[in-house]
């Protein structure tokens, strides 16, 4: 374990977070709000970050377990310090509540302990949503995009932080890949802000909701979420925006490079769009009696399907009041999630497709034991190791889900609320059903339960393994073979 390099990296991250706080600081200044909470947090971050990154270690290589540990620690520390302004400003006086809210922000979950968001300071509201934007593409990917870093072994960081079963470079240099990803992400966010401004939002609200849609997070500046605007234009723009950010960003790069064939043959993309189309049409038919007009039913169905499958969590209506079929489909979409390489959470569409194909392959092998069959994706046979990796991930995911559900049930709430609260957190969605529905919140959970759900949010965003590896003793042991090689 290269602890010195991990410490150096943590220091640089904390200094970057200090710089990120300049945006809510400027917002507080413009709205005449107290600046002390932001300045004090920035000074603490700069002091600790500066001390950790004062001297770059001689050995800078980061191996697999170093990358996983670094990513997990970065997200924990970013959330721990990012909660301080909420406490210092009085927006969220309880630190555990503030930590839950900040973890929910950075992991792009959107679950909240707040009973009302409109009384928050403008700086606090912007910081809540800006954490979505930073966490959406990845904190360390963001740092790689803005700071010079050695490409040596940084692939381990990308693999630990980017959502999906595989992570690959768009170009030869990892730092250039990070710049391309964040460049596209930044431009798409600006477009989203512009379109929301055309719909009548002011710049502050447009920025808040664009950050939430881009990071597929869901924090809003209104208690009624996007439904507060009661605008078909804003509903459609936000719905399409969420859907766009739930697509693998590699495909946007292929479009820019005119590699249209690579986009057209993406099975994950077509599965994603097919699931959205099927869910929208059937839910619209199921809820038509509630809204009368077909157009209104389609609008609300499309928005909620787009919001849930991308794990954003915005709402235009209280879908907890919808019929059983519509709610069942939405709960299933919580687990499907967005595409790999997007800002969405959940299992990811590519994993779901792989699991279904692997199940049919195993059944064929049972019927025809001597047949040579394999899982094919986009016309190519998937390596057996990759298929087993997806199955192993699903097994660990379900194990973590079962343990968390068992512990969370000790809180004594009803089954539906407990189940959907955990589903919303581990899949980084935000709202569930029952007491944590679109009009509810997570404030009633005990402090220990909020910490458990915070862990689940981090585990869900980081694909589980980085968080679990923090509790494996061998993660923290030095590599004896490497030390022996250096001595000899």
Protein backbone atom coordinates (compact mmCIF):
# COMPACT_ATOMS: atom_id res chain seq x y z
CA UNK A 1 0.00 0.00 0.00
CA UNK A 2 1.52 3.31 -1.12
CA UNK A 3 0.17 5.33 1.83
CA UNK A 4 2.32 8.37 1.12
CA UNK A 5 1.02 8.73 -2.42
CA UNK A 6 -2.55 8.18 -1.22
CA UNK A 7 -2.04 10.90 1.42
CA UNK A 8 -0.58 13.21 -1.23
CA UNK A 9 -3.57 12.55 -3.47
CA UNK A 10 -6.01 13.18 -0.62
CA UNK A 11 -4.31 16.49 0.09
CA UNK A 12 -4.69 17.64 -3.50
CA UNK A 13 -8.34 16.59 -3.51
CA UNK A 14 -9.07 18.58 -0.34
CA UNK A 15 -7.44 21.66 -1.87
CA UNK A 16 -9.59 21.22 -4.97
CA UNK A 17 -12.67 20.99 -2.76
CA UNK A 18 -11.63 24.27 -1.14
CA UNK A 19 -11.59 25.80 -4.61
CA UNK A 20 -15.01 24.34 -5.43
CA UNK A 21 -16.48 26.14 -2.43
CA UNK A 22 -15.74 29.42 -4.20
CA UNK A 23 -18.98 29.00 -6.20
CA UNK A 24 -21.34 28.86 -3.18
CA UNK A 25 -19.19 31.55 -1.53
CA UNK A 26 -19.79 33.84 -4.51
CA UNK A 27 -23.49 32.97 -4.40
CA UNK A 28 -23.66 33.86 -0.70
CA UNK A 29 -21.89 37.15 -1.45
CA UNK A 30 -24.34 38.03 -4.24
CA UNK A 31 -27.36 37.31 -2.01
CA UNK A 32 -25.95 39.09 1.05
CA UNK A 33 -25.61 35.92 3.15
CA UNK A 34 -22.94 35.20 5.80
CA UNK A 35 -19.59 34.27 4.27
CA UNK A 36 -18.00 32.78 7.40
CA UNK A 37 -19.28 29.19 6.91
CA UNK A 38 -17.70 29.02 3.47
CA UNK A 39 -14.48 30.87 4.28
CA UNK A 40 -13.88 28.84 7.45
CA UNK A 41 -14.39 25.53 5.61
CA UNK A 42 -12.14 26.67 2.77
CA UNK A 43 -9.37 27.57 5.24
CA UNK A 44 -9.62 24.20 7.01
CA UNK A 45 -9.53 22.33 3.70
CA UNK A 46 -6.61 24.40 2.40
CA UNK A 47 -4.61 23.90 5.61
CA UNK A 48 -5.12 20.13 5.81
CA UNK A 49 -4.79 19.64 2.06
CA UNK A 50 -1.65 21.76 1.93
CA UNK A 51 -0.05 19.80 4.78
CA UNK A 52 -0.80 16.44 3.13
CA UNK A 53 0.40 17.46 -0.34
CA UNK A 54 3.38 19.57 0.73
CA UNK A 55 5.90 17.07 -0.60
CA UNK A 56 5.30 14.67 -3.46
CA UNK A 57 6.51 11.16 -2.59
CA UNK A 58 9.28 9.59 -4.61
CA UNK A 59 7.21 6.50 -5.39
CA UNK A 60 4.04 7.67 -7.16
CA UNK A 61 2.75 4.39 -8.55
CA UNK A 62 -0.79 3.46 -7.56
CA UNK A 63 -1.67 -0.21 -7.88
CA UNK A 64 -5.11 -1.80 -7.84
CA UNK A 65 -5.72 -1.83 -4.09
CA UNK A 66 -4.16 1.65 -3.78
CA UNK A 67 -6.59 2.98 -6.36
CA UNK A 68 -9.63 1.42 -4.69
CA UNK A 69 -8.60 2.63 -1.22
CA UNK A 70 -7.79 6.14 -2.49
CA UNK A 71 -11.16 6.50 -4.22
CA UNK A 72 -13.10 5.33 -1.15
CA UNK A 73 -11.16 7.63 1.21
CA UNK A 74 -11.51 10.60 -1.14
CA UNK A 75 -15.28 10.29 -1.25
CA UNK A 76 -15.51 9.88 2.51
CA UNK A 77 -13.34 12.93 3.21
CA UNK A 78 -15.01 15.08 0.55
CA UNK A 79 -18.37 14.35 2.16
CA UNK A 80 -17.09 14.82 5.73
CA UNK A 81 -15.66 18.27 5.01
CA UNK A 82 -18.38 19.22 2.53
CA UNK A 83 -20.93 18.91 5.34
CA UNK A 84 -19.26 21.62 7.45
CA UNK A 85 -20.81 24.67 5.69
CA UNK A 86 -24.31 23.31 6.36
CA UNK A 87 -23.54 22.99 10.07
CA UNK A 88 -21.70 26.32 10.38
CA UNK A 89 -24.44 28.24 8.55
CA UNK A 90 -27.24 26.62 10.56
CA UNK A 91 -28.90 25.27 7.41
CA UNK A 92 -28.51 21.74 8.84
CA UNK A 93 -27.34 22.09 12.47
CA UNK A 94 -26.92 18.34 13.14
CA UNK A 95 -23.64 17.03 11.70
CA UNK A 96 -24.90 13.50 10.94
CA UNK A 97 -27.82 15.00 9.04
CA UNK A 98 -25.44 17.31 7.18
CA UNK A 99 -23.11 14.39 6.41
CA UNK A 100 -26.06 12.34 5.06
CA UNK A 101 -27.14 15.28 2.88
CA UNK A 102 -23.61 15.81 1.55
CA UNK A 103 -23.03 12.11 0.84
CA UNK A 104 -26.38 12.12 -0.95
CA UNK A 105 -25.16 15.08 -2.98
CA UNK A 106 -21.75 13.77 -4.03
CA UNK A 107 -23.09 10.28 -4.78
CA UNK A 108 -25.87 11.90 -6.87
CA UNK A 109 -28.52 10.13 -4.80
CA UNK A 110 -30.81 13.04 -3.93
CA UNK A 111 -32.17 11.51 -0.71
CA UNK A 112 -32.77 14.27 1.83
CA UNK A 113 -33.39 14.66 5.54
CA UNK A 114 -34.85 18.15 4.98
CA UNK A 115 -38.58 18.63 5.47
CA UNK A 116 -38.38 21.86 3.44
CA UNK A 117 -35.59 23.10 1.19
CA UNK A 118 -36.78 26.60 0.35
CA UNK A 119 -35.76 28.07 3.77
CA UNK A 120 -32.11 27.10 3.10
CA UNK A 121 -29.61 29.80 2.22
CA UNK A 122 -28.93 30.33 -1.46
CA UNK A 123 -25.31 29.33 -0.96
CA UNK A 124 -26.41 26.11 0.73
CA UNK A 125 -28.93 25.29 -2.02
CA UNK A 126 -26.33 25.81 -4.73
CA UNK A 127 -23.69 23.75 -2.88
CA UNK A 128 -26.19 20.90 -2.46
CA UNK A 129 -26.75 20.71 -6.21
CA UNK A 130 -23.18 21.49 -7.22
CA UNK A 131 -22.04 18.38 -5.32
CA UNK A 132 -24.24 16.43 -7.77
CA UNK A 133 -22.39 17.91 -10.71
CA UNK A 134 -18.93 17.21 -9.28
CA UNK A 135 -19.81 13.69 -8.15
CA UNK A 136 -21.69 12.79 -11.32
CA UNK A 137 -18.67 12.21 -13.53
CA UNK A 138 -16.36 11.42 -10.62
CA UNK A 139 -14.35 13.45 -8.14
CA UNK A 140 -10.97 11.99 -9.09
CA UNK A 141 -11.78 12.11 -12.80
CA UNK A 142 -12.49 15.82 -12.25
CA UNK A 143 -9.12 16.27 -10.55
CA UNK A 144 -7.36 14.41 -13.37
CA UNK A 145 -9.03 16.77 -15.83
CA UNK A 146 -7.86 20.00 -14.14
CA UNK A 147 -4.55 19.06 -12.49
CA UNK A 148 -1.46 17.51 -14.09
CA UNK A 149 -1.15 13.90 -12.93
CA UNK A 150 1.10 11.09 -14.02
CA UNK A 151 -0.70 8.56 -16.19
CA UNK A 152 1.16 5.74 -14.49
CA UNK A 153 -1.41 3.42 -12.88
CA UNK A 154 -4.17 6.09 -12.86
CA UNK A 155 -6.27 3.55 -14.74
CA UNK A 156 -6.90 1.91 -11.36
CA UNK A 157 -8.51 5.17 -10.17
CA UNK A 158 -10.74 5.37 -13.24
CA UNK A 159 -11.77 1.73 -12.82
CA UNK A 160 -12.68 2.30 -9.17
CA UNK A 161 -14.67 5.48 -9.77
CA UNK A 162 -16.33 5.18 -13.18
CA UNK A 163 -19.71 3.41 -13.09
CA UNK A 164 -20.03 0.14 -14.98
CA UNK A 165 -18.40 -3.28 -15.26
CA UNK A 166 -15.51 -2.01 -17.40
CA UNK A 167 -13.62 1.26 -17.79
CA UNK A 168 -11.61 2.23 -20.83
CA UNK A 169 -9.66 5.11 -22.25
CA UNK A 170 -11.06 7.21 -25.07
CA UNK A 171 -7.53 8.22 -26.06
CA UNK A 172 -4.08 6.96 -25.12
CA UNK A 173 -3.49 9.28 -22.16
CA UNK A 174 -5.71 8.93 -19.10
CA UNK A 175 -5.54 12.67 -18.31
CA UNK A 176 -6.72 13.48 -21.85
CA UNK A 177 -9.62 11.05 -21.45
CA UNK A 178 -10.65 12.87 -18.26
CA UNK A 179 -10.50 16.24 -20.07
CA UNK A 180 -12.65 14.93 -22.94
CA UNK A 181 -15.25 13.48 -20.56
CA UNK A 182 -15.53 16.64 -18.48
CA UNK A 183 -15.47 18.82 -21.58
CA UNK A 184 -18.56 17.07 -22.97
CA UNK A 185 -20.14 17.07 -19.51
CA UNK A 186 -19.57 20.82 -19.10
CA UNK A 187 -20.98 21.72 -22.53
CA UNK A 188 -24.07 19.54 -22.04
CA UNK A 189 -24.67 21.19 -18.66
CA UNK A 190 -24.45 24.66 -20.21
CA UNK A 191 -26.95 23.63 -22.88
CA UNK A 192 -29.27 22.36 -20.14
CA UNK A 193 -29.02 25.67 -18.26
CA UNK A 194 -29.78 27.59 -21.46
CA UNK A 195 -32.85 25.50 -22.26
CA UNK A 196 -34.22 25.90 -18.72
CA UNK A 197 -33.68 29.67 -18.94
CA UNK A 198 -35.80 29.67 -22.11
CA UNK A 199 -38.53 27.93 -20.11
CA UNK A 200 -38.80 30.83 -17.66
CA UNK A 201 -36.47 29.74 -14.83
CA UNK A 202 -34.11 32.32 -13.39
CA UNK A 203 -30.36 31.66 -13.57
CA UNK A 204 -30.15 30.34 -10.01
CA UNK A 205 -32.96 27.79 -10.39
CA UNK A 206 -31.78 26.84 -13.88
CA UNK A 207 -28.27 26.15 -12.54
CA UNK A 208 -29.56 24.14 -9.57
CA UNK A 209 -31.78 21.93 -11.72
CA UNK A 210 -29.21 21.57 -14.50
CA UNK A 211 -26.61 20.41 -11.96
CA UNK A 212 -29.15 17.92 -10.61
CA UNK A 213 -30.08 16.61 -14.07
CA UNK A 214 -26.46 16.45 -15.29
CA UNK A 215 -25.29 14.53 -12.24
CA UNK A 216 -28.57 12.57 -12.20
CA UNK A 217 -28.88 13.65 -8.57
CA UNK A 218 -32.26 15.29 -8.03
CA UNK A 219 -31.75 18.03 -5.43
CA UNK A 220 -34.10 20.90 -6.20
CA UNK A 221 -34.48 24.45 -4.93
CA UNK A 222 -38.24 23.90 -4.60
CA UNK A 223 -40.14 21.77 -2.09
CA UNK A 224 -42.33 20.41 -4.90
CA UNK A 225 -39.28 19.63 -7.07
CA UNK A 226 -39.72 20.23 -10.82
CA UNK A 227 -43.49 19.95 -10.34
CA UNK A 228 -43.46 23.39 -8.71
CA UNK A 229 -43.13 25.02 -12.15
CA UNK A 230 -46.18 23.22 -13.64
CA UNK A 231 -44.69 23.63 -17.11
CA UNK A 232 -44.90 21.05 -19.87
CA UNK A 233 -41.83 22.61 -21.53
CA UNK A 234 -39.68 22.31 -18.40
CA UNK A 235 -40.93 18.76 -17.79
CA UNK A 236 -40.00 17.64 -21.31
CA UNK A 237 -36.62 19.44 -21.35
CA UNK A 238 -35.66 18.07 -17.95
CA UNK A 239 -36.90 14.58 -18.85
CA UNK A 240 -34.88 14.48 -22.08
CA UNK A 241 -31.89 15.99 -20.27
CA UNK A 242 -31.94 13.31 -17.58
CA UNK A 243 -32.25 10.63 -20.25
CA UNK A 244 -29.27 12.08 -22.14
CA UNK A 245 -27.02 12.09 -19.07
CA UNK A 246 -27.98 8.46 -18.41
CA UNK A 247 -26.31 7.38 -21.69
CA UNK A 248 -22.71 6.18 -21.86
CA UNK A 249 -20.54 9.24 -22.51
CA UNK A 250 -18.25 7.18 -24.75
CA UNK A 251 -21.08 7.17 -27.30
CA UNK A 252 -21.11 10.98 -27.40
CA UNK A 253 -17.38 10.88 -28.12
CA UNK A 254 -18.02 8.40 -30.94
CA UNK A 255 -20.63 10.79 -32.37
CA UNK A 256 -18.11 13.63 -32.31
CA UNK A 257 -15.58 11.39 -34.08
CA UNK A 258 -18.28 10.39 -36.64
CA UNK A 259 -18.08 6.77 -35.55
CA UNK A 260 -21.81 6.32 -36.10
CA UNK A 261 -21.56 2.56 -36.57
CA UNK A 262 -20.16 2.16 -33.04
CA UNK A 263 -23.16 4.05 -31.68
CA UNK A 264 -25.70 2.16 -33.77
CA UNK A 265 -24.46 -1.27 -32.64
CA UNK A 266 -24.55 -0.45 -28.91
CA UNK A 267 -26.87 -3.09 -27.44
CA UNK A 268 -26.89 -1.28 -24.11
CA UNK A 269 -28.18 1.94 -25.71
CA UNK A 270 -31.02 0.18 -27.52
CA UNK A 271 -31.94 -1.81 -24.43
CA UNK A 272 -31.94 1.42 -22.39
CA UNK A 273 -34.18 3.26 -24.86
CA UNK A 274 -36.43 0.21 -25.25
CA UNK A 275 -36.95 -0.08 -21.50
CA UNK A 276 -37.78 3.65 -21.31
CA UNK A 277 -40.26 3.43 -24.22
CA UNK A 278 -42.02 0.32 -22.88
CA UNK A 279 -42.23 1.68 -19.33
CA UNK A 280 -43.49 5.09 -20.46
CA UNK A 281 -46.27 3.73 -22.67
CA UNK A 282 -47.54 1.12 -20.21
CA UNK A 283 -47.42 3.47 -17.21
CA UNK A 284 -49.19 6.19 -19.20
CA UNK A 285 -51.96 3.71 -20.00
CA UNK A 286 -52.13 2.68 -16.34
CA UNK A 287 -52.45 6.25 -15.01
CA UNK A 288 -54.62 7.74 -17.75
CA UNK A 289 -57.72 7.70 -15.55
CA UNK A 290 -55.91 10.00 -13.10
CA UNK A 291 -55.10 12.73 -15.63
CA UNK A 292 -57.65 12.29 -18.40
CA UNK A 293 -55.70 13.53 -21.42
CA UNK A 294 -53.31 11.10 -23.08
CA UNK A 295 -50.69 13.80 -23.53
CA UNK A 296 -50.65 14.67 -19.83
CA UNK A 297 -50.39 11.00 -18.86
CA UNK A 298 -47.51 10.45 -21.30
CA UNK A 299 -45.75 13.57 -20.04
CA UNK A 300 -45.85 12.53 -16.39
CA UNK A 301 -45.06 8.89 -17.20
CA UNK A 302 -42.06 9.85 -19.36
CA UNK A 303 -40.71 12.26 -16.77
CA UNK A 304 -40.89 9.77 -13.90
CA UNK A 305 -39.51 6.89 -15.96
CA UNK A 306 -36.61 9.09 -17.10
CA UNK A 307 -36.06 10.33 -13.53
CA UNK A 308 -36.06 6.85 -11.96
CA UNK A 309 -34.11 4.85 -14.55
CA UNK A 310 -31.38 7.49 -14.61
CA UNK A 311 -31.55 7.54 -10.78
CA UNK A 312 -32.09 11.32 -10.76
CA UNK A 313 -35.11 11.46 -8.46
CA UNK A 314 -36.87 14.61 -9.65
CA UNK A 315 -40.67 14.50 -9.52
CA UNK A 316 -43.52 16.37 -11.19
CA UNK A 317 -46.29 14.53 -9.31
CA UNK A 318 -46.61 12.33 -6.24
CA UNK A 319 -46.13 8.97 -7.96
CA UNK A 320 -46.66 7.25 -4.60
CA UNK A 321 -50.38 7.76 -5.35
CA UNK A 322 -50.20 5.94 -8.70
CA UNK A 323 -51.73 2.46 -9.23
CA UNK A 324 -49.82 -0.68 -8.25
CA UNK A 325 -48.55 -1.50 -11.77
CA UNK A 326 -47.00 1.93 -12.29
CA UNK A 327 -45.26 1.86 -8.89
CA UNK A 328 -44.01 -1.68 -9.48
CA UNK A 329 -42.42 -0.69 -12.80
CA UNK A 330 -40.75 2.32 -11.17
CA UNK A 331 -39.34 0.15 -8.37
CA UNK A 332 -37.91 -2.28 -10.95
CA UNK A 333 -36.35 0.64 -12.83
CA UNK A 334 -34.61 1.64 -9.59
CA UNK A 335 -32.51 -1.50 -9.88
CA UNK A 336 -31.88 -1.28 -13.64
CA UNK A 337 -30.34 2.20 -13.54
CA UNK A 338 -28.61 4.05 -16.37
CA UNK A 339 -25.92 2.99 -18.81
CA UNK A 340 -22.35 2.15 -17.86
CA UNK A 341 -20.09 5.17 -18.27
CA UNK A 342 -22.95 7.60 -17.54
CA UNK A 343 -23.70 9.63 -14.43
CA UNK A 344 -26.59 7.28 -13.55
CA UNK A 345 -26.63 4.74 -10.74
CA UNK A 346 -28.27 1.35 -10.27
CA UNK A 347 -26.97 -1.97 -11.54
CA UNK A 348 -26.49 -0.49 -15.04
CA UNK A 349 -28.28 -1.66 -18.16
CA UNK A 350 -25.25 -3.52 -19.51
CA UNK A 351 -25.10 -5.67 -16.36
CA UNK A 352 -28.80 -6.44 -16.54
CA UNK A 353 -28.49 -7.47 -20.20
CA UNK A 354 -25.41 -9.57 -19.40
CA UNK A 355 -27.13 -11.30 -16.48
CA UNK A 356 -30.18 -12.16 -18.63
CA UNK A 357 -28.00 -13.51 -21.45
CA UNK A 358 -25.83 -15.47 -19.01
CA UNK A 359 -28.95 -17.06 -17.49
CA UNK A 360 -30.14 -18.22 -20.93
CA UNK A 361 -26.62 -19.46 -21.73
CA UNK A 362 -26.55 -21.55 -18.54
CA UNK A 363 -29.96 -23.01 -19.38
CA UNK A 364 -28.76 -23.98 -22.86
CA UNK A 365 -25.73 -25.67 -21.33
CA UNK A 366 -28.01 -27.66 -19.05
CA UNK A 367 -30.04 -28.89 -22.04
CA UNK A 368 -27.02 -29.37 -24.33
CA UNK A 369 -24.01 -30.10 -22.08
CA UNK A 370 -21.59 -30.49 -25.02
CA UNK A 371 -22.64 -27.35 -26.85
CA UNK A 372 -20.17 -24.47 -27.10
CA UNK A 373 -22.15 -21.39 -26.13
CA UNK A 374 -21.11 -17.97 -24.88
CA UNK A 375 -22.57 -14.59 -24.05
CA UNK A 376 -22.43 -12.28 -27.04
CA UNK A 377 -22.59 -8.50 -26.73
CA UNK A 378 -22.60 -6.21 -29.76
CA UNK A 379 -21.71 -9.11 -32.06
CA UNK A 380 -18.69 -10.26 -30.05
CA UNK A 381 -18.29 -13.02 -27.51
CA UNK A 382 -17.77 -11.64 -24.02
CA UNK A 383 -14.74 -13.05 -22.16
CA UNK A 384 -15.78 -15.62 -19.57
CA UNK A 385 -13.92 -13.61 -16.91
CA UNK A 386 -16.04 -10.54 -17.65
CA UNK A 387 -19.31 -12.49 -17.47
CA UNK A 388 -18.32 -14.09 -14.16
CA UNK A 389 -17.28 -10.66 -12.92
CA UNK A 390 -20.78 -9.32 -13.57
CA UNK A 391 -22.31 -12.30 -11.81
CA UNK A 392 -19.93 -11.89 -8.86
CA UNK A 393 -20.79 -8.20 -8.61
CA UNK A 394 -24.50 -9.01 -8.55
CA UNK A 395 -23.94 -11.59 -5.80
CA UNK A 396 -22.03 -9.11 -3.62
CA UNK A 397 -24.63 -6.42 -4.39
CA UNK A 398 -27.44 -8.69 -3.20
CA UNK A 399 -25.48 -9.71 -0.09
CA UNK A 400 -24.89 -6.07 0.87
CA UNK A 401 -28.54 -5.33 0.12
CA UNK A 402 -29.75 -8.19 2.35
CA UNK A 403 -27.49 -7.24 5.29
CA UNK A 404 -28.41 -3.55 5.02
CA UNK A 405 -32.13 -4.36 4.80
CA UNK A 406 -31.89 -6.57 7.88
CA UNK A 407 -30.12 -3.84 9.88
CA UNK A 408 -32.40 -1.07 8.62
CA UNK A 409 -35.49 -3.03 9.66
CA UNK A 410 -34.40 -2.51 13.28
CA UNK A 411 -35.58 1.08 12.85
CA UNK A 412 -39.14 -0.27 13.08
CA UNK A 413 -40.66 1.34 9.99
CA UNK A 414 -43.07 -0.37 7.61
CA UNK A 415 -41.76 -2.84 5.03
CA UNK A 416 -42.47 -0.66 1.97
CA UNK A 417 -40.69 2.40 3.39
CA UNK A 418 -37.68 0.37 4.55
CA UNK A 419 -37.37 -1.53 1.27
CA UNK A 420 -37.65 1.50 -0.99
CA UNK A 421 -35.48 3.70 1.28
CA UNK A 422 -32.65 1.19 0.97
CA UNK A 423 -33.32 0.71 -2.75
CA UNK A 424 -33.26 4.48 -3.28
CA UNK A 425 -29.96 4.88 -1.42
CA UNK A 426 -27.96 1.89 -2.65
CA UNK A 427 -29.04 2.61 -6.25
CA UNK A 428 -28.45 6.40 -5.82
CA UNK A 429 -32.02 7.39 -6.71
CA UNK A 430 -33.34 9.56 -3.86
CA UNK A 431 -37.10 9.18 -3.36
CA UNK A 432 -38.76 5.85 -2.66
CA UNK A 433 -42.30 5.04 -1.61
CA UNK A 434 -44.21 5.38 1.64
CA UNK A 435 -42.58 7.69 4.17
CA UNK A 436 -39.64 8.34 1.79
CA UNK A 437 -41.85 9.03 -1.24
CA UNK A 438 -41.68 12.19 -3.42
CA UNK A 439 -43.36 14.24 -0.68
CA UNK A 440 -41.49 12.54 2.20
CA UNK A 441 -37.90 12.49 3.45
CA UNK A 442 -35.37 10.51 5.50
CA UNK A 443 -35.45 12.66 8.64
CA UNK A 444 -37.27 10.05 10.76
CA UNK A 445 -34.45 7.50 10.52
CA UNK A 446 -32.21 7.10 13.56
CA UNK A 447 -28.67 8.57 13.39
CA UNK A 448 -27.08 5.11 13.03
CA UNK A 449 -29.52 4.29 10.20
CA UNK A 450 -28.56 7.51 8.39
CA UNK A 451 -24.89 6.51 8.66
CA UNK A 452 -25.74 3.04 7.32
CA UNK A 453 -27.65 4.56 4.41
CA UNK A 454 -24.73 6.95 3.81
CA UNK A 455 -22.42 3.94 3.54
CA UNK A 456 -24.87 2.30 1.12
CA UNK A 457 -25.00 5.45 -1.01
CA UNK A 458 -21.20 5.53 -1.22
CA UNK A 459 -21.05 1.79 -1.91
CA UNK A 460 -23.67 2.11 -4.66
CA UNK A 461 -21.89 5.03 -6.33
CA UNK A 462 -18.44 3.42 -6.16
CA UNK A 463 -19.63 -0.01 -7.33
CA UNK A 464 -19.40 -1.53 -3.83
CA UNK A 465 -15.88 -2.96 -3.85
CA UNK A 466 -13.86 0.19 -2.95
CA UNK A 467 -15.95 0.70 0.18
CA UNK A 468 -15.87 -2.95 1.21
CA UNK A 469 -12.11 -3.18 0.68
CA UNK A 470 -11.62 -0.56 3.40
CA UNK A 471 -12.67 -3.25 5.89
CA UNK A 472 -10.37 -5.96 4.53
CA UNK A 473 -7.18 -6.17 6.68
CA UNK A 474 -4.97 -7.17 3.73
CA UNK A 475 -5.78 -3.84 2.06
CA UNK A 476 -3.67 -2.06 4.63
CA UNK A 477 -0.75 -4.50 4.75
CA UNK A 478 2.36 -3.62 2.82
CA UNK A 479 3.29 -5.67 -0.20
CA UNK A 480 6.02 -7.91 1.19
CA UNK A 481 7.09 -9.11 -2.22
CA UNK A 482 7.59 -5.55 -3.43
CA UNK A 483 9.66 -4.68 -0.36
CA UNK A 484 11.77 -7.81 -0.86
CA UNK A 485 12.36 -6.86 -4.51
CA UNK A 486 13.49 -3.36 -3.52
CA UNK A 487 15.94 -4.75 -0.93
CA UNK A 488 17.44 -7.19 -3.43
